[in-house]
Protein backbone atom coordinates (compact mmCIF):
# COMPACT_ATOMS: atom_id res chain seq x y z
CA MET A 1 -8.23 -61.38 -17.98
CA ASN A 2 -6.94 -59.07 -20.74
CA LEU A 3 -3.26 -59.71 -21.42
CA GLY A 4 -0.71 -58.14 -23.70
CA VAL A 5 2.43 -59.99 -24.80
CA ILE A 6 5.19 -57.92 -26.40
CA GLY A 7 7.27 -60.15 -28.67
CA THR A 8 6.12 -63.10 -30.79
CA GLY A 9 9.28 -65.13 -30.74
CA TYR A 10 9.56 -68.51 -29.12
CA VAL A 11 8.77 -67.46 -25.54
CA GLY A 12 6.18 -64.79 -26.32
CA LEU A 13 4.15 -66.86 -28.76
CA VAL A 14 4.09 -69.96 -26.56
CA ALA A 15 3.14 -67.93 -23.47
CA GLY A 16 0.48 -65.86 -25.22
CA THR A 17 -1.09 -68.87 -26.89
CA CYS A 18 -1.15 -70.97 -23.73
CA PHE A 19 -2.65 -68.12 -21.69
CA ALA A 20 -5.36 -67.80 -24.36
CA GLU A 21 -5.93 -71.55 -24.21
CA SER A 22 -6.72 -71.21 -20.50
CA GLY A 23 -9.45 -68.65 -21.23
CA ASN A 24 -7.72 -65.26 -21.21
CA ASP A 25 -8.05 -62.65 -23.95
CA VAL A 26 -4.52 -62.20 -25.27
CA THR A 27 -3.05 -59.75 -27.76
CA CYS A 28 0.48 -60.43 -29.01
CA VAL A 29 2.52 -57.54 -30.39
CA ASP A 30 5.50 -57.47 -32.74
CA ILE A 31 7.17 -54.83 -34.92
CA ASP A 32 7.58 -57.36 -37.76
CA GLU A 33 4.53 -56.78 -39.99
CA LYS A 34 5.15 -59.88 -42.11
CA LYS A 35 5.28 -62.09 -39.02
CA ILE A 36 2.09 -60.56 -37.65
CA SER A 37 0.31 -61.02 -40.99
CA ALA A 38 1.31 -64.69 -41.02
CA LEU A 39 0.22 -65.19 -37.41
CA LYS A 40 -3.17 -63.65 -38.15
CA MET A 41 -3.61 -66.47 -40.66
CA GLY A 42 -2.46 -69.05 -38.12
CA ARG A 43 1.02 -69.58 -39.58
CA VAL A 44 3.92 -69.92 -37.14
CA SER A 45 7.42 -69.08 -38.40
CA PHE A 46 9.18 -71.84 -36.42
CA TYR A 47 8.47 -75.48 -35.69
CA GLU A 48 7.19 -76.39 -32.22
CA PRO A 49 4.96 -79.46 -31.86
CA GLY A 50 1.33 -78.56 -31.17
CA LEU A 51 1.81 -74.79 -31.19
CA GLU A 52 0.38 -73.95 -34.59
CA GLU A 53 -2.79 -75.95 -33.86
CA LEU A 54 -3.27 -74.02 -30.60
CA VAL A 55 -2.70 -70.69 -32.35
CA ARG A 56 -5.33 -71.49 -34.97
CA ARG A 57 -7.89 -72.70 -32.46
CA ASN A 58 -7.56 -69.64 -30.23
CA LEU A 59 -7.67 -67.32 -33.24
CA GLU A 60 -10.92 -68.96 -34.34
CA GLU A 61 -12.36 -68.66 -30.84
CA GLN A 62 -11.25 -65.00 -30.74
CA ARG A 63 -9.24 -65.28 -27.54
CA LEU A 64 -5.95 -64.65 -29.33
CA SER A 65 -5.07 -61.77 -31.65
CA PHE A 66 -1.97 -60.26 -33.21
CA THR A 67 -1.04 -56.66 -33.91
CA THR A 68 1.80 -54.19 -34.41
CA ASP A 69 0.01 -51.59 -32.24
CA LEU A 70 1.83 -51.66 -28.91
CA LYS A 71 0.08 -48.57 -27.52
CA ALA A 72 -3.44 -49.94 -27.99
CA THR A 73 -2.42 -53.33 -26.61
CA VAL A 74 -0.93 -51.84 -23.46
CA ARG A 75 -4.00 -49.70 -22.82
CA GLN A 76 -6.49 -52.58 -23.06
CA ALA A 77 -4.41 -55.04 -21.01
CA SER A 78 -4.26 -55.31 -17.25
CA VAL A 79 -1.08 -57.39 -17.37
CA VAL A 80 1.64 -56.80 -19.99
CA PHE A 81 4.36 -59.41 -20.60
CA ILE A 82 7.76 -58.50 -22.03
CA ALA A 83 9.03 -61.42 -24.13
CA VAL A 84 11.59 -59.92 -26.50
CA GLY A 85 15.03 -61.25 -27.39
CA THR A 86 18.18 -60.91 -25.30
CA PRO A 87 20.88 -61.86 -27.82
CA GLN A 88 24.50 -62.42 -26.95
CA ASP A 89 26.54 -59.20 -26.95
CA SER A 90 30.03 -58.95 -28.46
CA ASP A 91 31.58 -59.71 -25.04
CA GLY A 92 29.28 -62.68 -24.39
CA ALA A 93 26.97 -60.86 -21.98
CA ALA A 94 23.21 -60.64 -22.53
CA ASP A 95 22.13 -57.65 -24.60
CA ILE A 96 18.99 -56.34 -22.87
CA GLU A 97 18.48 -53.23 -25.00
CA GLN A 98 15.28 -54.63 -26.53
CA VAL A 99 13.90 -55.32 -23.04
CA LEU A 100 14.67 -51.80 -21.85
CA ALA A 101 13.32 -50.19 -25.03
CA THR A 102 10.11 -52.21 -24.66
CA ALA A 103 9.74 -51.16 -21.03
CA LYS A 104 10.11 -47.49 -22.02
CA ALA A 105 7.52 -47.88 -24.79
CA ILE A 106 5.10 -49.55 -22.36
CA GLY A 107 5.53 -46.68 -19.91
CA GLN A 108 4.82 -44.11 -22.61
CA ALA A 109 1.66 -45.99 -23.64
CA MET A 110 0.17 -46.52 -20.17
CA ASP A 111 -3.12 -44.88 -19.26
CA GLY A 112 -3.64 -46.45 -15.83
CA TYR A 113 -2.36 -49.11 -13.42
CA LYS A 114 -0.55 -51.99 -15.11
CA VAL A 115 1.38 -55.05 -14.01
CA ILE A 116 4.50 -55.45 -16.15
CA VAL A 117 5.85 -59.02 -16.22
CA ASN A 118 9.26 -59.71 -17.70
CA LYS A 119 9.64 -63.18 -19.25
CA SER A 120 12.80 -62.39 -21.22
CA THR A 121 15.98 -64.01 -19.91
CA VAL A 122 17.88 -61.16 -18.25
CA PRO A 123 20.71 -60.62 -15.74
CA ALA A 124 19.91 -60.09 -12.07
CA GLY A 125 18.93 -56.49 -11.47
CA THR A 126 17.09 -55.95 -14.75
CA ALA A 127 13.71 -55.63 -13.00
CA ASP A 128 15.10 -52.62 -11.15
CA ARG A 129 16.14 -51.04 -14.44
CA ILE A 130 12.71 -51.73 -15.94
CA ARG A 131 11.08 -50.13 -12.91
CA ALA A 132 13.27 -47.01 -13.25
CA LEU A 133 12.49 -46.63 -16.96
CA LEU A 134 8.76 -47.00 -16.34
CA ALA A 135 8.86 -44.43 -13.54
CA ALA A 136 10.59 -41.98 -15.84
CA ALA A 137 8.13 -42.56 -18.68
CA THR A 138 4.76 -42.46 -16.85
CA SER A 139 2.99 -40.94 -13.89
CA HIS A 140 0.58 -43.87 -13.70
CA PRO A 141 1.03 -46.55 -11.01
CA PHE A 142 2.53 -49.91 -11.97
CA ALA A 143 4.23 -53.01 -10.61
CA VAL A 144 7.06 -55.08 -12.06
CA VAL A 145 7.25 -58.88 -11.74
CA ALA A 146 10.12 -61.11 -12.87
CA ASN A 147 8.82 -64.37 -14.35
CA PRO A 148 11.56 -66.41 -16.05
CA GLU A 149 10.59 -69.15 -18.50
CA PHE A 150 11.82 -72.75 -18.28
CA LEU A 151 10.62 -74.09 -21.63
CA LYS A 152 12.34 -76.87 -23.56
CA GLU A 153 12.27 -76.52 -27.33
CA GLY A 154 10.33 -79.44 -28.75
CA ALA A 155 8.18 -79.69 -25.60
CA ALA A 156 7.38 -76.03 -24.91
CA VAL A 157 3.60 -76.27 -24.99
CA GLU A 158 3.60 -79.19 -22.55
CA ASP A 159 6.16 -77.42 -20.34
CA PHE A 160 3.98 -74.31 -20.17
CA MET A 161 0.78 -76.22 -19.57
CA LYS A 162 2.35 -78.54 -16.97
CA PRO A 163 5.31 -76.67 -15.47
CA ASP A 164 7.65 -78.23 -12.90
CA ARG A 165 7.44 -74.88 -11.11
CA VAL A 166 6.51 -71.28 -11.77
CA VAL A 167 8.87 -68.60 -10.47
CA LEU A 168 7.59 -65.10 -9.67
CA GLY A 169 9.86 -62.37 -8.36
CA GLY A 170 8.84 -59.01 -6.95
CA ASP A 171 7.91 -57.06 -3.86
CA ASP A 172 4.35 -55.99 -4.75
CA SER A 173 2.06 -58.60 -3.19
CA GLN A 174 -1.01 -57.42 -5.12
CA ALA A 175 0.78 -57.81 -8.46
CA ILE A 176 2.23 -61.18 -7.48
CA GLU A 177 -1.24 -62.46 -6.58
CA LEU A 178 -2.60 -61.27 -9.93
CA VAL A 179 0.10 -63.07 -11.92
CA LYS A 180 -0.20 -66.12 -9.66
CA GLU A 181 -3.88 -66.28 -10.56
CA LEU A 182 -2.92 -66.50 -14.24
CA TYR A 183 -0.74 -69.53 -13.60
CA GLU A 184 -3.02 -71.44 -11.23
CA PRO A 185 -4.81 -73.38 -14.03
CA PHE A 186 -1.43 -74.86 -15.00
CA VAL A 187 -0.42 -76.11 -11.52
CA ARG A 188 -3.58 -77.92 -10.44
CA THR A 189 -1.58 -81.10 -9.77
CA GLY A 190 0.31 -79.35 -6.99
CA ASN A 191 3.54 -78.20 -8.61
CA PRO A 192 4.67 -75.05 -6.82
CA ILE A 193 4.46 -71.37 -7.64
CA LEU A 194 7.59 -69.99 -6.00
CA ILE A 195 7.52 -66.39 -4.76
CA MET A 196 10.84 -64.61 -4.23
CA ASP A 197 12.62 -61.32 -4.81
CA ALA A 198 13.11 -60.24 -8.44
CA ARG A 199 16.89 -60.70 -8.55
CA SER A 200 16.65 -64.27 -7.27
CA ALA A 201 13.95 -65.02 -9.86
CA GLU A 202 16.12 -63.61 -12.65
CA MET A 203 19.11 -65.59 -11.42
CA SER A 204 17.15 -68.86 -11.22
CA LYS A 205 16.88 -69.13 -15.02
CA TYR A 206 20.61 -68.79 -15.55
CA ALA A 207 21.42 -71.10 -12.66
CA ALA A 208 19.12 -73.83 -14.04
CA ASN A 209 20.63 -73.70 -17.51
CA GLY A 210 24.13 -73.54 -16.08
CA MET A 211 23.57 -76.72 -14.08
CA LEU A 212 22.04 -78.60 -17.02
CA ALA A 213 24.83 -77.54 -19.38
CA ALA A 214 27.42 -78.58 -16.79
CA LYS A 215 25.90 -82.08 -16.62
CA ILE A 216 26.12 -82.41 -20.41
CA SER A 217 29.73 -81.24 -20.60
CA PHE A 218 30.65 -83.47 -17.66
CA ILE A 219 29.31 -86.66 -19.24
CA ASN A 220 30.90 -85.75 -22.57
CA GLU A 221 34.29 -85.36 -20.91
CA VAL A 222 33.78 -88.67 -19.11
CA ALA A 223 32.83 -90.27 -22.45
CA ASN A 224 36.05 -89.09 -24.06
CA LEU A 225 38.04 -90.52 -21.15
CA CYS A 226 36.13 -93.81 -21.41
CA GLU A 227 37.36 -94.21 -24.98
CA LYS A 228 40.96 -93.68 -23.87
CA VAL A 229 40.88 -96.14 -20.96
CA GLY A 230 38.70 -98.84 -22.52
CA ALA A 231 35.50 -98.23 -20.57
CA ASP A 232 31.92 -97.96 -21.87
CA VAL A 233 30.22 -94.66 -21.09
CA ASP A 234 26.76 -96.23 -21.37
CA GLU A 235 27.54 -98.54 -18.46
CA VAL A 236 29.08 -95.66 -16.52
CA ARG A 237 26.04 -93.48 -17.20
CA ARG A 238 23.66 -96.13 -15.93
CA ALA A 239 25.71 -96.61 -12.78
CA ILE A 240 25.89 -92.94 -11.82
CA GLY A 241 22.33 -92.17 -12.94
CA LEU A 242 20.93 -94.49 -10.27
CA ASP A 243 22.48 -92.27 -7.61
CA ARG A 244 19.55 -90.09 -6.52
CA ARG A 245 21.90 -87.17 -5.98
CA ILE A 246 22.78 -87.27 -9.70
CA GLY A 247 19.77 -88.77 -11.49
CA PRO A 248 19.52 -90.13 -15.05
CA HIS A 249 18.64 -86.89 -16.86
CA PHE A 250 21.05 -84.85 -19.00
CA ILE A 251 23.87 -87.40 -18.74
CA PHE A 252 23.62 -88.77 -22.27
CA PRO A 253 26.93 -88.37 -24.14
CA GLY A 254 27.02 -86.86 -27.59
CA ILE A 255 28.55 -84.08 -29.64
CA GLY A 256 27.53 -81.16 -27.48
CA TYR A 257 24.58 -78.90 -26.81
CA GLY A 258 23.34 -75.99 -28.90
CA GLY A 259 20.18 -73.97 -29.36
CA SER A 260 18.98 -70.56 -28.30
CA CYS A 261 19.43 -70.98 -24.53
CA PHE A 262 22.35 -73.00 -23.19
CA PRO A 263 25.25 -71.47 -25.17
CA LYS A 264 23.95 -67.91 -24.83
CA ASP A 265 22.93 -68.24 -21.19
CA ILE A 266 26.21 -69.85 -20.09
CA ARG A 267 28.18 -67.00 -21.66
CA ALA A 268 25.78 -64.43 -20.21
CA LEU A 269 26.18 -65.96 -16.75
CA ILE A 270 29.96 -65.77 -17.13
CA GLY A 271 29.61 -62.15 -18.29
CA MET A 272 27.35 -61.34 -15.35
CA GLY A 273 29.83 -62.78 -12.88
CA GLU A 274 33.19 -61.64 -14.20
CA PRO A 275 33.07 -58.04 -12.95
CA VAL A 276 32.68 -59.32 -9.38
CA LEU A 277 33.66 -63.01 -9.42
CA GLU A 278 35.81 -65.36 -11.48
CA MET A 279 33.73 -68.08 -13.17
CA PRO A 280 36.18 -70.94 -13.98
CA LEU A 281 33.66 -73.78 -13.85
CA LEU A 282 31.23 -72.28 -16.35
CA LYS A 283 34.10 -71.26 -18.65
CA ALA A 284 35.19 -74.89 -18.65
CA VAL A 285 31.63 -76.05 -19.38
CA ASP A 286 31.60 -73.81 -22.45
CA ARG A 287 35.08 -74.89 -23.61
CA VAL A 288 34.28 -78.60 -23.24
CA ASN A 289 31.08 -78.16 -25.23
CA GLU A 290 32.80 -76.34 -28.09
CA ARG A 291 35.50 -79.00 -28.22
CA GLN A 292 32.91 -81.78 -28.19
CA LYS A 293 31.30 -80.50 -31.38
CA GLY A 294 34.45 -81.52 -33.25
CA VAL A 295 34.74 -85.06 -31.86
CA LEU A 296 32.79 -86.69 -34.69
CA VAL A 297 34.93 -85.00 -37.34
CA GLU A 298 38.07 -86.27 -35.59
CA LYS A 299 36.70 -89.80 -35.87
CA VAL A 300 35.93 -89.29 -39.58
CA LYS A 301 39.48 -88.09 -40.24
CA ARG A 302 41.03 -90.96 -38.30
CA HIS A 303 39.08 -93.38 -40.50
CA PHE A 304 39.42 -91.69 -43.91
CA GLY A 305 42.46 -89.43 -43.43
CA ALA A 306 42.74 -85.67 -43.04
CA ASP A 307 42.07 -84.97 -46.73
CA LEU A 308 38.43 -85.78 -47.49
CA THR A 309 38.52 -84.63 -51.11
CA GLY A 310 36.29 -86.79 -53.29
CA LEU A 311 34.42 -88.30 -50.34
CA THR A 312 30.70 -87.85 -49.72
CA PHE A 313 29.04 -87.90 -46.31
CA ALA A 314 25.36 -88.36 -45.55
CA VAL A 315 24.29 -86.31 -42.53
CA TRP A 316 21.10 -87.21 -40.67
CA GLY A 317 19.95 -84.40 -38.40
CA LEU A 318 20.66 -80.67 -38.64
CA SER A 319 18.67 -79.04 -35.82
CA PHE A 320 20.43 -78.78 -32.45
CA LYS A 321 17.96 -81.29 -30.95
CA PRO A 322 14.91 -83.28 -32.11
CA ARG A 323 11.40 -81.79 -32.40
CA THR A 324 12.60 -78.32 -33.41
CA ASP A 325 13.92 -76.57 -36.52
CA ASP A 326 16.28 -74.41 -34.43
CA MET A 327 19.87 -74.44 -35.70
CA ARG A 328 21.31 -71.76 -33.46
CA ASP A 329 24.71 -73.01 -32.21
CA ALA A 330 23.84 -76.48 -33.56
CA PRO A 331 26.68 -79.02 -33.52
CA SER A 332 25.76 -79.89 -37.12
CA ILE A 333 27.14 -76.52 -38.23
CA VAL A 334 30.58 -77.27 -36.81
CA VAL A 335 30.53 -80.82 -38.20
CA ILE A 336 29.47 -79.85 -41.71
CA GLU A 337 31.76 -76.83 -41.98
CA ALA A 338 34.75 -78.98 -40.94
CA LEU A 339 33.91 -81.71 -43.45
CA LEU A 340 33.47 -79.15 -46.24
CA LYS A 341 36.76 -77.46 -45.34
CA ALA A 342 38.54 -80.83 -45.57
CA GLY A 343 37.15 -81.35 -49.10
CA GLY A 344 34.13 -83.52 -48.37
CA ARG A 345 30.69 -83.30 -49.96
CA ILE A 346 27.55 -83.29 -47.84
CA GLU A 347 24.16 -84.91 -48.51
CA ALA A 348 21.82 -83.80 -45.73
CA TYR A 349 18.42 -84.62 -44.29
CA ASP A 350 16.42 -83.29 -41.33
CA PRO A 351 12.66 -83.65 -40.73
CA GLU A 352 12.16 -79.94 -39.93
CA ALA A 353 15.34 -77.87 -40.21
CA MET A 354 16.04 -77.93 -43.96
CA GLU A 355 14.99 -74.33 -44.61
CA GLU A 356 17.01 -73.09 -41.65
CA ALA A 357 20.00 -75.07 -42.96
CA ARG A 358 19.71 -73.40 -46.38
CA LYS A 359 20.13 -70.02 -44.67
CA ILE A 360 23.47 -71.20 -43.29
CA PHE A 361 24.95 -73.46 -45.97
CA ALA A 362 23.09 -72.28 -49.10
CA ASP A 363 24.04 -74.57 -52.01
CA ARG A 364 27.24 -75.87 -50.42
CA VAL A 365 25.15 -78.78 -49.15
CA ARG A 366 22.65 -80.95 -51.01
CA TYR A 367 19.31 -81.46 -49.27
CA HIS A 368 16.99 -84.45 -49.54
CA ARG A 369 13.31 -85.05 -48.83
CA ARG A 370 13.88 -88.55 -47.45
CA ASN A 371 16.61 -89.70 -45.10
CA TYR A 372 17.49 -92.70 -47.28
CA ASP A 373 17.91 -90.49 -50.37
CA ALA A 374 20.85 -88.79 -48.67
CA LEU A 375 22.68 -92.14 -48.46
CA LYS A 376 22.92 -92.94 -52.17
CA GLY A 377 26.59 -93.27 -53.05
CA ALA A 378 27.82 -91.73 -49.78
CA ASP A 379 31.03 -93.01 -48.21
CA ALA A 380 29.61 -92.90 -44.69
CA LEU A 381 26.60 -91.87 -42.62
CA LEU A 382 26.87 -89.36 -39.78
CA VAL A 383 24.01 -89.27 -37.25
CA VAL A 384 24.11 -85.79 -35.73
CA THR A 385 20.62 -85.28 -34.23
CA GLU A 386 18.68 -88.09 -32.53
CA TRP A 387 15.29 -87.74 -34.25
CA ASN A 388 13.02 -90.69 -33.44
CA GLU A 389 12.79 -91.72 -37.08
CA PHE A 390 16.54 -92.42 -37.08
CA ARG A 391 16.42 -94.83 -34.15
CA ARG A 392 15.16 -97.95 -35.93
CA PRO A 393 16.13 -97.61 -39.60
CA ASN A 394 16.42 -100.42 -42.12
CA PHE A 395 20.11 -101.22 -41.77
CA GLN A 396 20.09 -103.49 -44.81
CA THR A 397 18.86 -100.55 -46.92
CA ILE A 398 21.54 -98.32 -45.40
CA LYS A 399 24.20 -100.90 -46.23
CA GLU A 400 23.00 -101.21 -49.82
CA LEU A 401 22.92 -97.46 -50.43
CA LEU A 402 26.28 -96.52 -48.88
CA LYS A 403 29.51 -97.10 -50.81
CA SER A 404 30.95 -98.63 -47.67
CA PRO A 405 29.10 -99.66 -44.48
CA VAL A 406 30.47 -96.97 -42.15
CA ILE A 407 28.41 -95.10 -39.55
CA PHE A 408 29.56 -92.29 -37.26
CA ASP A 409 26.96 -92.00 -34.51
CA GLY A 410 27.20 -88.68 -32.68
CA ARG A 411 24.32 -89.47 -30.32
CA ASN A 412 24.87 -93.16 -29.46
CA VAL A 413 21.56 -94.03 -31.05
CA TYR A 414 22.55 -97.54 -32.16
CA ASP A 415 23.72 -100.72 -30.47
CA ALA A 416 27.42 -101.24 -31.23
CA GLN A 417 27.27 -105.03 -31.09
CA GLU A 418 24.28 -105.20 -33.44
CA LEU A 419 26.00 -102.92 -35.97
CA LYS A 420 29.14 -105.06 -35.82
CA ARG A 421 27.08 -108.20 -36.39
CA LEU A 422 25.44 -106.57 -39.41
CA GLY A 423 28.85 -105.85 -40.93
CA PHE A 424 29.15 -102.12 -40.25
CA THR A 425 32.21 -100.21 -39.17
CA TYR A 426 30.67 -98.22 -36.38
CA TYR A 427 31.94 -95.28 -34.35
CA SER A 428 30.10 -93.71 -31.43
CA ILE A 429 30.86 -91.56 -28.38
CA GLY A 430 32.62 -93.02 -25.32
CA ARG A 431 32.31 -96.67 -26.36
CA GLN A 432 34.78 -99.21 -27.68
CA ASN A 433 33.81 -99.76 -31.30
CA GLY A 434 34.97 -99.16 -34.81
């Protein structure tokens, strides 16, 4: 099938590449000429495991192509996906202007029947607005399908190739069947393709992220209480995770969530609801998460004092989660800015996010090619992102390189008793240590 994908950001590039991998002819469109030039050479502007290899293979096999020509792409495609950004507006709501502008441009370019599929994360009712814009821009027949994405950064290719579920929203059965056909190679193990109305499909994305974010904020609040009352959040987590109604996922305590989805989508969901419904629970989820980002700094100041002038801190992990270079709303930003403001110096390392970090901190932070290099002469180590390579380090080397054997573990990566036995002063989240 000939497909067009408008937008080569995270969602658009993953979707277009994976559709090409399943045998479709896919053209991806973007207005950024530099990005398109790089993609034509197989270079991806962000880190996502396995994606660049898939892009290169499908380029070589001529199933995947990149262009800035939206009009030509729309005319040769039978299905056109909208996958442009929906950034947070000044009031926290989702800004869907790019989605609407893209829909209008598609309508103006159409030369026959097209199925328009929206993969951008949008408020309920956006499909209706897309449909109205298309109707005003073209006399050709069309159908609109809502198809939210449920990709996890760091595992996006696997999530697309083996989805838990595919959600399709719309009232045109012919169009739904056409899009369903595109997804059938990815659900051969029996995972469902759910068919519903467009507004329910659009809402499902926000509801999923709202629930997951709520679980994270909940366990973080429980962790903070555990510290106050002398309990161990790891034991509590294991106990509640065995309840099938709760489950073990997304109840790992830490220093908060970040990234391109949860913070933006929670605030967009609040913004969507407020005109018609108060949203106290989700507001609390957001507040707890923002507060949690400062917990590690509070521990640092309790140990060293409020004035950190003359002290140096090694920071392991800058991206908001492992297996990505994404630093949008990353807890590391809050941690590092607070340490700098208090007079501290920062020596930083991350396997993938160093260039993104430079855009934020410039030369206020020193960057290192190896994680151990960041430790030399530092007064303490802060573990901010739980990359696998941080899980089993050489603690003797860490002890020799640090001025004093102090570790602040923002992700509960290490065993508190082992660190105590090795002679470290160790602080973590929701556990009795230090």
